Amino acid sequence: MGFPNHKSDCPDVFVVCPEDCGMALKRRLMPEHLRSQCSTAKLTCVYNKLGCEFTGNLVSLRKHAEEKVDYHATLTVSGIADLRERMSALVNQVNDIKLTQS
């Protein structure tokens, strides 16, 4: 009998951080550790989908966030403007389809 995959699947088994920070914690806690606690994990700026290409460890990411508020605001405004243009184009397409179906 037994559970052959228990150690590799169990969320309560202690595992060592894959980013070599030295921490060992329960497998179920590892995602949060890597996202917001690990000092060596490479993290991507939350504004990456808007164009910010910064990556770095937790300390440098926090510093980047503090120093680049204006840049991130500009990316956000630009992203909103792009979305408004796309939405307007989609509204026009929908209206065109309605006209052809009338």
Protein backbone atom coordinates (compact mmCIF):
# COMPACT_ATOMS: atom_id res chain seq x y z
CA MET A 1 0.00 0.00 0.00
CA GLY A 2 1.44 3.35 1.03
CA PHE A 3 1.47 6.61 -0.77
CA PRO A 4 4.40 6.59 -3.22
CA ASN A 5 4.00 10.26 -4.20
CA HIS A 6 3.17 11.60 -0.77
CA LYS A 7 6.50 13.36 -0.16
CA SER A 8 6.50 14.94 -3.61
CA ASP A 9 2.84 16.06 -3.46
CA CYS A 10 2.02 16.74 0.18
CA PRO A 11 1.44 20.45 0.88
CA ASP A 12 2.70 20.08 4.47
CA VAL A 13 6.11 18.59 3.63
CA PHE A 14 8.99 20.99 4.21
CA VAL A 15 10.89 21.96 1.08
CA VAL A 16 13.93 24.16 0.50
CA CYS A 17 13.46 27.39 -1.44
CA PRO A 18 14.41 26.84 -5.09
CA GLU A 19 15.98 30.33 -5.19
CA ASP A 20 18.71 29.34 -2.70
CA CYS A 21 17.79 31.88 -0.04
CA GLY A 22 18.25 29.21 2.62
CA MET A 23 14.62 29.04 3.76
CA ALA A 24 12.79 25.76 4.27
CA LEU A 25 9.04 25.88 4.66
CA LYS A 26 5.91 23.92 3.95
CA ARG A 27 5.30 23.36 0.23
CA ARG A 28 1.91 25.12 0.42
CA LEU A 29 3.63 28.30 1.68
CA MET A 30 6.29 28.39 -1.03
CA PRO A 31 4.33 30.35 -3.67
CA GLU A 32 3.71 33.22 -1.23
CA HIS A 33 7.34 33.08 -0.06
CA LEU A 34 8.60 33.37 -3.66
CA ARG A 35 6.14 36.18 -4.45
CA SER A 36 6.66 38.41 -1.44
CA GLN A 37 9.29 37.20 1.03
CA CYS A 38 12.25 35.58 -0.73
CA SER A 39 15.31 37.83 -0.79
CA THR A 40 16.86 36.13 -3.83
CA ALA A 41 13.93 35.32 -6.14
CA LYS A 42 13.84 37.27 -9.40
CA LEU A 43 10.60 39.25 -9.50
CA THR A 44 9.00 41.19 -12.32
CA CYS A 45 7.55 44.66 -11.84
CA VAL A 46 3.75 44.63 -11.50
CA TYR A 47 3.67 47.17 -14.35
CA ASN A 48 5.32 44.73 -16.77
CA LYS A 49 2.10 44.25 -18.74
CA LEU A 50 2.06 48.00 -19.33
CA GLY A 51 5.68 48.08 -20.52
CA CYS A 52 7.97 48.23 -17.48
CA GLU A 53 10.79 45.75 -18.06
CA PHE A 54 12.33 45.81 -14.56
CA THR A 55 13.21 42.54 -12.87
CA GLY A 56 15.15 42.09 -9.67
CA ASN A 57 15.13 40.71 -6.16
CA LEU A 58 12.60 41.81 -3.55
CA VAL A 59 14.73 44.65 -2.15
CA SER A 60 15.54 46.11 -5.57
CA LEU A 61 11.91 45.72 -6.68
CA ARG A 62 10.69 47.69 -3.67
CA LYS A 63 13.26 50.42 -4.38
CA HIS A 64 12.26 50.44 -8.06
CA ALA A 65 8.58 50.84 -7.10
CA GLU A 66 9.39 53.81 -4.85
CA GLU A 67 11.62 55.52 -7.43
CA LYS A 68 9.47 54.96 -10.52
CA VAL A 69 6.05 56.18 -9.39
CA ASP A 70 5.90 58.83 -12.13
CA TYR A 71 7.03 56.36 -14.80
CA HIS A 72 4.42 53.83 -13.68
CA ALA A 73 1.73 56.54 -13.66
CA THR A 74 2.69 57.43 -17.23
CA LEU A 75 2.48 53.78 -18.26
CA THR A 76 -0.93 53.52 -16.62
CA VAL A 77 -2.31 56.62 -18.34
CA SER A 78 -0.94 55.41 -21.67
CA GLY A 79 -2.47 51.98 -21.10
CA ILE A 80 -5.86 53.51 -20.33
CA ALA A 81 -5.67 55.65 -23.47
CA ASP A 82 -4.87 52.55 -25.54
CA LEU A 83 -7.80 50.68 -24.01
CA ARG A 84 -10.15 53.58 -24.74
CA GLU A 85 -9.07 53.59 -28.39
CA ARG A 86 -9.53 49.84 -28.66
CA MET A 87 -12.94 50.03 -26.99
CA SER A 88 -14.01 52.79 -29.35
CA ALA A 89 -12.91 50.72 -32.35
CA LEU A 90 -14.86 47.72 -31.04
CA VAL A 91 -17.97 49.84 -30.48
CA ASN A 92 -17.68 51.05 -34.08
CA GLN A 93 -17.35 47.46 -35.30
CA VAL A 94 -20.43 46.41 -33.34
CA ASN A 95 -22.38 49.35 -34.74
CA ASP A 96 -21.28 48.45 -38.27
CA ILE A 97 -22.45 44.87 -37.75
CA LYS A 98 -25.80 46.12 -36.46
CA LEU A 99 -26.21 48.30 -39.54
CA THR A 100 -25.49 45.42 -41.92
CA GLN A 101 -27.99 43.20 -40.11
CA SER A 102 -30.78 45.78 -40.23
